[in-house]
Structure formats: C-alpha cells, structure tokens
Amino acid sequence: MFKLIPLILFTSCAFFIEKIDRPMVQNNDYKKESTTQIYCPMDQKLNFQLVGTKDNSQTVYLDLVKALNNKLDFLDHFALWSLMQLAVRPDQSSATSRFQVLIHHQNKSYYFDFFSESSEDQYPYLYGIEWILKRFKKNTNLEYYADLLKNSAIKKLKIGKDFENFLVKNLSPIKNNAELAPYYFRGAEVLKENETSPFLNYEAIIRLYRKFQKQQNIIVNSKLNEFFTESGYSGSCNYDFNLYDNSIFLIDKVIPVANLFGLSISKSVFFASSSQKLDKIESLKGLPLFKGESKVRSSAVCMIENQSKRIWTFSNHSRDPGQHLFHLVRYGLPSSKTTEEVSRLIKHSRHLFLSDPVRLIIESGRSSNEQIENLLKLNLPIYHADSLGNIWAYTHFNEGDRFIIDDRNPGSFLCK
C-alpha cells in the first residue's frame, strides 16, 4: 500500500529535521497567515459543537435535534451524527468504510479503529457505531436511530463541495452504472454543491447489515504508539514516530482521502474519520451508497493529554499524513497552552518529503523567510505546493474546548 522510504542517507534531510525541531508560534514566523476563522470564538460560552465538511448538514442536524425535543444524550448524538454522514459523504462514510473514533466520555479518553481484512459484505462503519454503544452500555440499537432519522428534516440535506468533487471526478462510471445514475444525475450532469442529496433509507441499510451480521469479521484496534520529545512532552499516535525520527517515511502512491466529523456536548466529545478504498465505482446493494473496502490507509491520529489539556489531531489527504503530524510535534504542538497556539500551527506552512525521485514539497506561500533560507541549503529538488494535507484538531484547555478545521479544505463548525 505504501513504501518505507529511507532518506537517512541524505544528510541534508536529517539537517532539515533538526532545523524544524523548535516551537514556531511567534508572529514573526509567518510569511502569510490566513485570517479565516477555523474554530468557534473563545469568548462564546458553548454547550454544544458540531464539526463536519458541510454547514448545511449541521443545520439539518440541529433541526432534527429540535424536532426530537432535545431528548438525546451524548451517545444518542454520537450514533445519529455518525449515521447522518452516510447521507453527507456516501463515498467515504459508507457502511463498508473504515471507522476511526476518538472519544472522551465519563472522564476518560479512548481510541477505536474498525476495519476488516475481508472485502465482501463487511460493514465496519455500522459495526463500529453499535459496538461503541454497547461498550458504554447504551441500551439502544441501530434500528432505533434509523427510526429517528425518518424525520423530514433529513430531506433538506444538500451536496457538499467535497462530495461534488468526487462525483465530477467519477462522472463516467457513475453515469454508466444503472443503480447509481438515478441517484446522482440530473439530466446529463451529476449533482453539484447545494443541490438536494438523494434520500437515504436508513431502515434498508440496517436490514442489510443485519442480514450479514453473523458474517462480520471486524478488527477493533485501540493501540497507539507513544512518543516523547526532548523537552519532556509525550503523546500517542497510530503512526510510529520512531520511523520519522530516522528519516524513514511512509509514502503512499496515492493521496488517501477521508471524511472528518465530530460533536461535543457538555463534558463528552467524539471526533471521527471514515474512509474506504474504491477500486471501482459501484452501489452498495442498490442504495445511494458507494461500496468499497475498509482495508485502506488510515488517517493519522494523535492524542496529547495530561491533567491540564487534551489535544487531538486527525491528518489525511496526503501521501504521508503521519509525516505532517510528526512535523507539528516538532514545531511544538505538545507544548501548546491555548487553542490559538494550536490553530496557528495548523495554519503554518507544511512540507513533505517524497520519493521516486527524492524531493521536498513545501507551501512556500505560507513559509517564513528563515524556513526558506534553510531549505535552500538542502541538496534536494524543492517544489512549491499551494496546499498540503488536511489536519483537523480538537482542543480542551482551561479556556474551554474547541474543534479546529483546516482552512486549506472545505469544513464547517457549529457553535451553540
């Protein structure tokens, strides 16, 4: 799936890693800084937050909650918001998708990753939702939430930009698929952003899952690798930073994508990523969902926690998403004391070592003069990119908790 690329022979690479091993949160470190607001205002007292790729879906979800008279606890919200993603991003949040979840509930944090080594009739996304409900002793099932999602508010969902891009990219195979075309074509064109999403029959999806429930061979992983910095900070990630410390990078041939979303209410929060491999474009049993395989490269995940803070990060949309989080740690992410510091690190210039041939890609438009000068000392070809990767975060400090999106890509948050 991806290559272990040893770059240690290139001493200039190791030199550059040393050069970035310092905090970069001061104002003069930034050549160009985006002014886009990427998290809820800190002066606003919040009891409820939603984050996802499309603002319309958050408005629809709020309407649904109101229609249900707000009689939902945290785990109800977890199940409903996760299930709604099937309609928001049916390409990456399908029943067949890999499902990675960070949860803080009942004063403890957890990481769960659901996927299958098998391919046929495996539904880790649905399995994961119900598994988590049972793990926290919630006495409800998927059918219960499917019934709630029959509410008319769901029919107001609109196509988002990310999903439009997917439809446009796969226009021909969707058009030539007798099951998918009726859902996603209007005349000769695929659906575009802000057009109404196809209606999703959740009861039919759950019936399908129940039909193959005994055949589910789902792996549930909760293991993370611990890292330590020279300044005494620590954290845990699903990528091994020891490899990056030795200039060995996990470079994929393709750029894997994922759907990121989350919800915070009171003292509980969940933050999730779903993704799948689509070798061919086909419907899942005639539904407006895309059938794929969950054995796909995961989003990179890191958790940095102690008594005074929690910092969670998801990284995707990169040939080496873990490399970006490794660099964030080198820039000083574990020592961050405020949401603003974390947001500035996310906005900061990114770079990526690639191979075949060995080269360095950098967001020069966001780079500091000092960083550019250090790069010129490398004995490597250097290329410019307008943007690299996609990193979202969740922070919890004494000032409050916030989701942080990446201004490089579509994303939206709701503050209440």
Protein backbone atom coordinates (compact mmCIF):
# COMPACT_ATOMS: atom_id res chain seq x y z
CA MET A 1 0.00 0.00 0.00
CA PHE A 2 2.79 2.37 0.85
CA LYS A 3 6.58 2.30 0.83
CA LEU A 4 9.05 2.64 3.67
CA ILE A 5 11.31 5.29 2.16
CA PRO A 6 14.70 5.56 3.93
CA LEU A 7 16.04 9.09 3.48
CA ILE A 8 18.67 8.87 6.18
CA LEU A 9 21.37 8.61 3.51
CA PHE A 10 20.57 12.16 2.57
CA THR A 11 22.22 14.02 5.43
CA SER A 12 20.60 17.23 4.28
CA CYS A 13 17.17 15.75 5.20
CA ALA A 14 18.33 14.99 8.71
CA PHE A 15 19.74 18.51 8.86
CA PHE A 16 16.37 19.97 7.97
CA ILE A 17 14.55 17.84 10.56
CA GLU A 18 16.90 19.31 13.17
CA LYS A 19 16.14 22.79 11.90
CA ILE A 20 12.41 22.39 12.46
CA ASP A 21 12.80 20.92 15.93
CA ARG A 22 11.68 24.05 17.77
CA PRO A 23 8.38 25.82 18.53
CA MET A 24 7.18 28.12 15.74
CA VAL A 25 4.24 30.02 17.19
CA GLN A 26 5.55 33.59 17.26
CA ASN A 27 4.07 36.20 14.95
CA ASN A 28 7.30 36.80 13.04
CA ASP A 29 7.50 33.15 11.99
CA TYR A 30 4.76 33.59 9.40
CA LYS A 31 5.16 34.97 5.93
CA LYS A 32 1.48 34.82 5.03
CA GLU A 33 -1.16 33.95 7.56
CA SER A 34 -4.75 33.17 6.71
CA THR A 35 -7.32 35.24 8.58
CA THR A 36 -10.03 32.60 8.15
CA GLN A 37 -11.72 31.71 11.43
CA ILE A 38 -11.22 27.98 11.92
CA TYR A 39 -12.82 27.41 15.33
CA CYS A 40 -15.67 28.76 17.46
CA PRO A 41 -14.89 32.13 19.13
CA MET A 42 -13.26 31.74 22.53
CA ASP A 43 -15.43 34.49 24.05
CA GLN A 44 -18.54 32.41 23.35
CA LYS A 45 -19.66 30.01 26.08
CA LEU A 46 -20.54 26.74 24.39
CA ASN A 47 -22.51 23.68 25.45
CA PHE A 48 -22.73 22.08 22.00
CA GLN A 49 -20.41 21.92 18.97
CA LEU A 50 -20.61 20.17 15.63
CA VAL A 51 -17.87 19.88 13.04
CA GLY A 52 -18.02 18.43 9.53
CA THR A 53 -17.46 19.19 5.87
CA LYS A 54 -20.77 20.89 5.11
CA ASP A 55 -22.58 23.63 7.07
CA ASN A 56 -25.96 22.57 5.70
CA SER A 57 -25.66 19.15 7.35
CA GLN A 58 -25.05 20.80 10.71
CA THR A 59 -28.13 23.00 10.33
CA VAL A 60 -30.19 19.95 9.36
CA TYR A 61 -28.86 18.05 12.37
CA LEU A 62 -29.80 20.92 14.68
CA ASP A 63 -33.31 20.92 13.20
CA LEU A 64 -33.51 17.18 13.84
CA VAL A 65 -32.45 17.62 17.47
CA LYS A 66 -35.09 20.31 17.96
CA ALA A 67 -37.76 18.10 16.41
CA LEU A 68 -36.81 15.39 18.90
CA ASN A 69 -37.26 17.90 21.75
CA ASN A 70 -33.54 17.72 22.59
CA LYS A 71 -34.12 14.41 24.39
CA LEU A 72 -30.74 13.00 23.38
CA ASP A 73 -27.75 12.08 25.49
CA PHE A 74 -24.15 12.05 24.25
CA LEU A 75 -24.26 8.51 22.88
CA ASP A 76 -27.50 9.26 21.02
CA HIS A 77 -25.75 12.21 19.40
CA PHE A 78 -22.74 10.04 18.56
CA ALA A 79 -24.91 7.49 16.76
CA LEU A 80 -27.14 9.98 14.95
CA TRP A 81 -24.37 12.33 13.75
CA SER A 82 -22.29 9.35 12.61
CA LEU A 83 -25.24 7.80 10.76
CA MET A 84 -26.09 11.10 9.09
CA GLN A 85 -22.63 11.06 7.50
CA LEU A 86 -23.85 8.20 5.29
CA ALA A 87 -26.03 10.77 3.53
CA VAL A 88 -23.46 13.59 3.71
CA ARG A 89 -20.46 11.65 2.33
CA PRO A 90 -21.70 8.33 0.88
CA ASP A 91 -18.35 7.94 -0.88
CA GLN A 92 -16.20 7.91 2.29
CA SER A 93 -18.82 7.33 5.02
CA SER A 94 -20.48 4.19 3.75
CA ALA A 95 -21.43 1.01 5.57
CA THR A 96 -18.26 -0.53 4.10
CA SER A 97 -15.94 2.25 5.35
CA ARG A 98 -13.16 2.13 7.91
CA PHE A 99 -14.23 3.96 11.06
CA GLN A 100 -11.72 5.65 13.40
CA VAL A 101 -13.07 7.30 16.54
CA LEU A 102 -11.63 9.32 19.42
CA ILE A 103 -13.99 9.57 22.39
CA HIS A 104 -13.84 11.32 25.75
CA HIS A 105 -16.70 10.13 27.90
CA GLN A 106 -17.15 9.52 31.61
CA ASN A 107 -13.87 11.34 32.31
CA LYS A 108 -11.73 9.03 30.16
CA SER A 109 -10.39 9.11 26.59
CA TYR A 110 -10.48 6.22 24.11
CA TYR A 111 -9.36 5.43 20.56
CA PHE A 112 -11.13 2.83 18.42
CA ASP A 113 -10.42 1.77 14.83
CA PHE A 114 -12.82 -0.55 12.98
CA PHE A 115 -11.90 -2.24 9.70
CA SER A 116 -11.90 -5.65 8.01
CA GLU A 117 -9.23 -7.66 6.22
CA SER A 118 -12.06 -9.19 4.18
CA SER A 119 -13.91 -7.36 1.46
CA GLU A 120 -17.29 -8.89 0.70
CA ASP A 121 -20.31 -7.97 2.85
CA GLN A 122 -18.22 -6.39 5.61
CA TYR A 123 -19.72 -3.29 7.26
CA PRO A 124 -17.25 -1.93 9.85
CA TYR A 125 -18.83 1.53 9.92
CA LEU A 126 -22.17 0.23 11.19
CA TYR A 127 -20.49 -2.41 13.32
CA GLY A 128 -18.35 0.28 14.96
CA ILE A 129 -21.29 2.53 15.85
CA GLU A 130 -23.20 -0.28 17.53
CA TRP A 131 -20.05 -1.70 19.18
CA ILE A 132 -19.37 1.67 20.84
CA LEU A 133 -22.97 1.93 22.03
CA LYS A 134 -22.62 -1.47 23.68
CA ARG A 135 -19.16 -0.63 25.04
CA PHE A 136 -20.67 2.25 27.01
CA LYS A 137 -23.72 0.19 28.00
CA LYS A 138 -26.21 2.16 25.91
CA ASN A 139 -29.39 0.13 25.58
CA THR A 140 -30.30 1.15 22.03
CA ASN A 141 -29.66 -0.34 18.58
CA LEU A 142 -29.24 0.92 15.01
CA GLU A 143 -32.91 0.38 14.25
CA TYR A 144 -33.81 2.88 16.96
CA TYR A 145 -31.73 5.60 15.29
CA ALA A 146 -32.92 4.67 11.81
CA ASP A 147 -36.44 5.39 13.03
CA LEU A 148 -35.37 8.81 14.36
CA LEU A 149 -33.72 9.61 11.01
CA LYS A 150 -37.03 9.27 9.18
CA ASN A 151 -37.67 12.85 10.34
CA SER A 152 -38.46 15.24 7.48
CA ALA A 153 -35.52 17.47 8.43
CA ILE A 154 -33.14 14.93 6.85
CA LYS A 155 -34.70 15.58 3.43
CA LYS A 156 -33.14 19.07 3.48
CA LEU A 157 -29.57 17.78 3.15
CA LYS A 158 -27.51 19.37 0.38
CA ILE A 159 -24.49 18.17 -1.59
CA GLY A 160 -21.17 19.48 -0.22
CA LYS A 161 -18.11 20.61 -2.18
CA ASP A 162 -16.01 17.55 -1.33
CA PHE A 163 -18.71 15.18 -2.48
CA GLU A 164 -19.33 17.24 -5.62
CA ASN A 165 -15.63 16.90 -6.47
CA PHE A 166 -15.93 13.14 -6.08
CA LEU A 167 -18.99 13.00 -8.34
CA VAL A 168 -17.34 15.12 -11.03
CA LYS A 169 -14.15 13.05 -10.92
CA ASN A 170 -16.16 9.83 -11.35
CA LEU A 171 -18.79 11.17 -13.73
CA SER A 172 -18.44 8.46 -16.39
CA PRO A 173 -18.56 5.35 -14.18
CA ILE A 174 -21.48 6.79 -12.20
CA LYS A 175 -23.35 7.66 -15.39
CA ASN A 176 -22.82 4.15 -16.73
CA ASN A 177 -23.98 2.48 -13.51
CA ALA A 178 -27.69 1.70 -13.69
CA GLU A 179 -28.04 1.74 -9.88
CA LEU A 180 -26.11 4.94 -9.13
CA ALA A 181 -27.06 7.15 -12.08
CA PRO A 182 -30.71 7.72 -10.99
CA TYR A 183 -29.49 8.96 -7.62
CA TYR A 184 -26.71 11.27 -8.75
CA PHE A 185 -27.60 12.56 -12.21
CA ARG A 186 -29.96 15.36 -13.16
CA GLY A 187 -30.21 15.24 -16.91
CA ALA A 188 -26.67 15.00 -18.34
CA GLU A 189 -24.91 16.36 -15.23
CA VAL A 190 -24.03 14.98 -11.82
CA LEU A 191 -25.39 16.73 -8.75
CA LYS A 192 -23.50 19.86 -7.76
CA GLU A 193 -22.86 21.64 -4.48
CA ASN A 194 -26.03 22.82 -2.69
CA GLU A 195 -28.33 20.61 -4.75
CA THR A 196 -30.53 18.26 -2.73
CA SER A 197 -28.93 14.98 -1.69
CA PRO A 198 -30.65 11.69 -2.61
CA PHE A 199 -32.98 10.34 0.04
CA LEU A 200 -31.31 7.62 2.10
CA ASN A 201 -33.47 4.84 3.51
CA TYR A 202 -31.74 4.08 6.79
CA GLU A 203 -34.05 1.20 7.61
CA ALA A 204 -32.96 -0.55 4.40
CA ILE A 205 -29.29 -0.05 5.31
CA ILE A 206 -29.77 -1.54 8.76
CA ARG A 207 -31.70 -4.51 7.34
CA LEU A 208 -28.79 -5.15 5.02
CA TYR A 209 -26.36 -5.05 7.93
CA ARG A 210 -28.48 -7.46 9.97
CA LYS A 211 -28.59 -9.88 7.03
CA PHE A 212 -24.81 -10.22 7.10
CA GLN A 213 -24.22 -9.51 10.79
CA LYS A 214 -23.06 -13.04 11.63
CA GLN A 215 -20.51 -12.85 8.81
CA GLN A 216 -18.82 -9.72 10.12
CA ASN A 217 -15.09 -10.20 10.66
CA ILE A 218 -14.24 -6.78 12.03
CA ILE A 219 -10.93 -5.89 13.62
CA VAL A 220 -11.21 -3.47 16.55
CA ASN A 221 -7.90 -1.78 17.23
CA SER A 222 -7.22 0.60 20.11
CA LYS A 223 -3.43 0.55 20.10
CA LEU A 224 -1.44 3.78 19.76
CA ASN A 225 2.33 4.32 19.75
CA GLU A 226 3.75 6.61 22.42
CA PHE A 227 6.23 9.36 21.55
CA PHE A 228 8.44 11.58 23.69
CA THR A 229 10.02 14.94 22.88
CA GLU A 230 13.40 16.19 24.06
CA SER A 231 11.63 18.87 26.08
CA GLY A 232 9.77 16.24 28.12
CA TYR A 233 6.37 16.16 26.43
CA SER A 234 4.65 12.97 25.33
CA GLY A 235 1.67 11.77 23.37
CA SER A 236 0.41 8.78 21.41
CA CYS A 237 -0.27 8.27 17.70
CA ASN A 238 -1.29 5.48 15.36
CA TYR A 239 1.89 6.10 13.34
CA ASP A 240 5.32 5.21 14.73
CA PHE A 241 7.29 8.45 15.03
CA ASN A 242 10.49 6.48 15.58
CA LEU A 243 10.48 5.86 11.84
CA TYR A 244 10.26 9.56 11.09
CA ASP A 245 12.98 10.28 13.66
CA ASN A 246 15.22 8.11 11.49
CA SER A 247 14.08 9.82 8.28
CA ILE A 248 12.05 6.79 7.17
CA PHE A 249 8.81 7.99 5.66
CA LEU A 250 5.61 6.07 4.85
CA ILE A 251 4.90 7.39 1.39
CA ASP A 252 1.79 6.20 -0.41
CA LYS A 253 1.42 6.02 -4.19
CA VAL A 254 -1.93 7.80 -3.97
CA ILE A 255 -3.46 10.51 -1.80
CA PRO A 256 -5.98 8.81 0.51
CA VAL A 257 -8.99 10.90 1.50
CA ALA A 258 -11.39 10.67 4.42
CA ASN A 259 -14.48 12.28 5.91
CA LEU A 260 -13.83 14.01 9.25
CA PHE A 261 -16.59 14.94 11.69
CA GLY A 262 -17.23 15.33 15.40
CA LEU A 263 -19.52 16.52 18.18
CA SER A 264 -19.05 17.94 21.65
CA ILE A 265 -21.73 18.28 24.29
CA SER A 266 -21.20 19.09 27.95
CA LYS A 267 -18.10 17.14 29.06
CA SER A 268 -18.23 14.46 26.37
CA VAL A 269 -16.84 14.58 22.83
CA PHE A 270 -16.18 12.34 19.86
CA PHE A 271 -14.02 13.02 16.81
CA ALA A 272 -14.06 10.61 13.87
CA SER A 273 -12.63 9.75 10.47
CA SER A 274 -14.15 7.41 7.90
CA SER A 275 -12.53 6.23 4.68
CA GLN A 276 -12.60 3.45 2.14
CA LYS A 277 -10.85 2.21 -0.99
CA LEU A 278 -12.92 2.43 -4.15
CA ASP A 279 -11.22 0.29 -6.79
CA LYS A 280 -14.36 0.51 -8.86
CA ILE A 281 -17.46 2.66 -8.64
CA GLU A 282 -20.50 0.64 -7.67
CA SER A 283 -23.59 0.90 -5.49
CA LEU A 284 -23.97 -0.92 -2.20
CA LYS A 285 -26.86 -3.29 -2.95
CA GLY A 286 -28.79 -0.69 -4.97
CA LEU A 287 -28.59 2.00 -2.28
CA PRO A 288 -27.21 5.53 -2.84
CA LEU A 289 -24.05 4.42 -1.01
CA PHE A 290 -20.72 3.57 -2.60
CA LYS A 291 -19.39 0.08 -1.99
CA GLY A 292 -15.72 -0.05 -1.05
CA GLU A 293 -13.15 -1.80 1.11
CA SER A 294 -12.17 -0.75 4.62
CA LYS A 295 -8.63 -2.12 4.28
CA VAL A 296 -7.34 1.30 3.37
CA ARG A 297 -4.61 3.50 4.78
CA SER A 298 -5.91 5.10 7.95
CA SER A 299 -5.99 8.76 8.80
CA ALA A 300 -3.09 9.71 11.06
CA VAL A 301 -4.25 10.25 14.64
CA CYS A 302 -2.50 11.74 17.65
CA MET A 303 -3.62 12.25 21.26
CA ILE A 304 -1.74 14.58 23.59
CA GLU A 305 -3.26 14.57 27.06
CA ASN A 306 -2.45 15.45 30.66
CA GLN A 307 -4.33 16.94 33.60
CA SER A 308 -4.41 20.42 32.06
CA LYS A 309 -5.18 19.76 28.40
CA ARG A 310 -6.28 17.48 25.60
CA ILE A 311 -5.10 17.92 22.02
CA TRP A 312 -6.40 15.50 19.37
CA THR A 313 -5.46 15.62 15.70
CA PHE A 314 -6.57 13.87 12.52
CA SER A 315 -4.46 14.14 9.36
CA ASN A 316 -5.48 12.96 5.90
CA HIS A 317 -5.45 13.99 2.21
CA SER A 318 -1.71 13.40 1.92
CA ARG A 319 0.61 10.72 0.58
CA ASP A 320 2.07 10.58 4.10
CA PRO A 321 -0.44 12.00 6.63
CA GLY A 322 1.67 10.89 9.59
CA GLN A 323 4.61 12.98 8.38
CA HIS A 324 2.53 16.15 8.80
CA LEU A 325 1.68 15.30 12.42
CA PHE A 326 5.31 14.44 13.09
CA HIS A 327 6.29 17.90 11.88
CA LEU A 328 3.57 19.51 14.02
CA VAL A 329 5.02 17.80 17.07
CA ARG A 330 8.48 19.10 16.12
CA TYR A 331 7.04 22.60 15.77
CA GLY A 332 5.79 22.46 19.36
CA LEU A 333 2.26 21.04 19.32
CA PRO A 334 2.66 19.16 22.66
CA SER A 335 3.73 22.37 24.46
CA SER A 336 0.74 24.39 23.20
CA LYS A 337 -1.20 26.06 26.00
CA THR A 338 -4.14 27.55 24.09
CA THR A 339 -6.44 26.79 21.19
CA GLU A 340 -4.99 29.80 19.39
CA GLU A 341 -1.50 28.30 19.51
CA VAL A 342 -2.78 25.02 18.05
CA SER A 343 -4.69 26.84 15.31
CA ARG A 344 -1.58 28.80 14.33
CA LEU A 345 0.40 25.59 14.00
CA ILE A 346 -2.31 24.12 11.76
CA LYS A 347 -2.22 27.23 9.57
CA HIS A 348 1.57 27.19 9.41
CA SER A 349 3.48 26.20 6.27
CA ARG A 350 3.78 22.44 5.68
CA HIS A 351 6.38 20.43 3.85
CA LEU A 352 6.56 16.83 2.71
CA PHE A 353 9.46 14.57 1.75
CA LEU A 354 8.62 12.40 -1.27
CA SER A 355 10.49 9.77 -3.25
CA ASP A 356 11.00 8.48 -6.82
CA PRO A 357 12.71 10.90 -7.16
CA VAL A 358 13.60 12.16 -3.68
CA ARG A 359 12.31 15.72 -3.41
CA LEU A 360 10.74 18.17 -0.99
CA ILE A 361 7.34 19.80 -1.46
CA ILE A 362 6.61 22.95 0.54
CA GLU A 363 3.85 25.52 0.91
CA SER A 364 6.19 28.41 0.16
CA GLY A 365 3.34 30.92 0.26
CA ARG A 366 2.92 30.23 3.99
CA SER A 367 6.64 29.86 4.79
CA SER A 368 8.78 32.18 6.90
CA ASN A 369 11.89 33.72 5.42
CA GLU A 370 14.03 31.67 7.81
CA GLN A 371 12.40 28.45 6.67
CA ILE A 372 13.01 29.31 3.01
CA GLU A 373 16.67 30.07 3.74
CA ASN A 374 17.12 26.71 5.49
CA LEU A 375 15.50 24.90 2.58
CA LEU A 376 17.92 26.45 0.12
CA LYS A 377 20.74 24.69 1.99
CA LEU A 378 19.30 21.26 1.18
CA ASN A 379 20.80 19.18 -1.58
CA LEU A 380 17.32 18.28 -2.80
CA PRO A 381 14.94 19.43 -5.52
CA ILE A 382 12.34 21.70 -3.91
CA TYR A 383 8.85 22.20 -5.32
CA HIS A 384 6.05 24.58 -4.38
CA ALA A 385 2.51 23.48 -3.48
CA ASP A 386 -0.45 25.76 -2.82
CA SER A 387 -1.60 23.42 -0.04
CA LEU A 388 -0.53 20.14 1.52
CA GLY A 389 -2.70 17.77 3.53
CA ASN A 390 -5.67 18.31 5.77
CA ILE A 391 -5.37 18.49 9.57
CA TRP A 392 -8.28 18.94 11.96
CA ALA A 393 -7.94 19.13 15.72
CA TYR A 394 -9.87 19.14 18.95
CA THR A 395 -8.52 21.01 21.98
CA HIS A 396 -9.52 21.13 25.62
CA PHE A 397 -7.81 23.73 27.82
CA ASN A 398 -8.94 25.66 30.89
CA GLU A 399 -10.35 28.25 28.47
CA GLY A 400 -12.77 25.67 27.06
CA ASP A 401 -12.89 23.10 24.28
CA ARG A 402 -12.94 23.68 20.51
CA PHE A 403 -12.82 21.82 17.23
CA ILE A 404 -10.34 23.30 14.74
CA ILE A 405 -10.72 22.82 10.98
CA ASP A 406 -8.12 23.37 8.25
CA ASP A 407 -8.57 26.47 6.10
CA ARG A 408 -6.98 24.61 3.16
CA ASN A 409 -10.06 22.44 2.59
CA PRO A 410 -13.85 22.53 2.93
CA GLY A 411 -15.01 22.39 6.52
CA SER A 412 -17.56 23.93 8.84
CA PHE A 413 -18.32 24.15 12.55
CA LEU A 414 -21.46 24.97 14.51
CA CYS A 415 -21.29 26.69 17.90
CA LYS A 416 -24.20 26.67 20.31
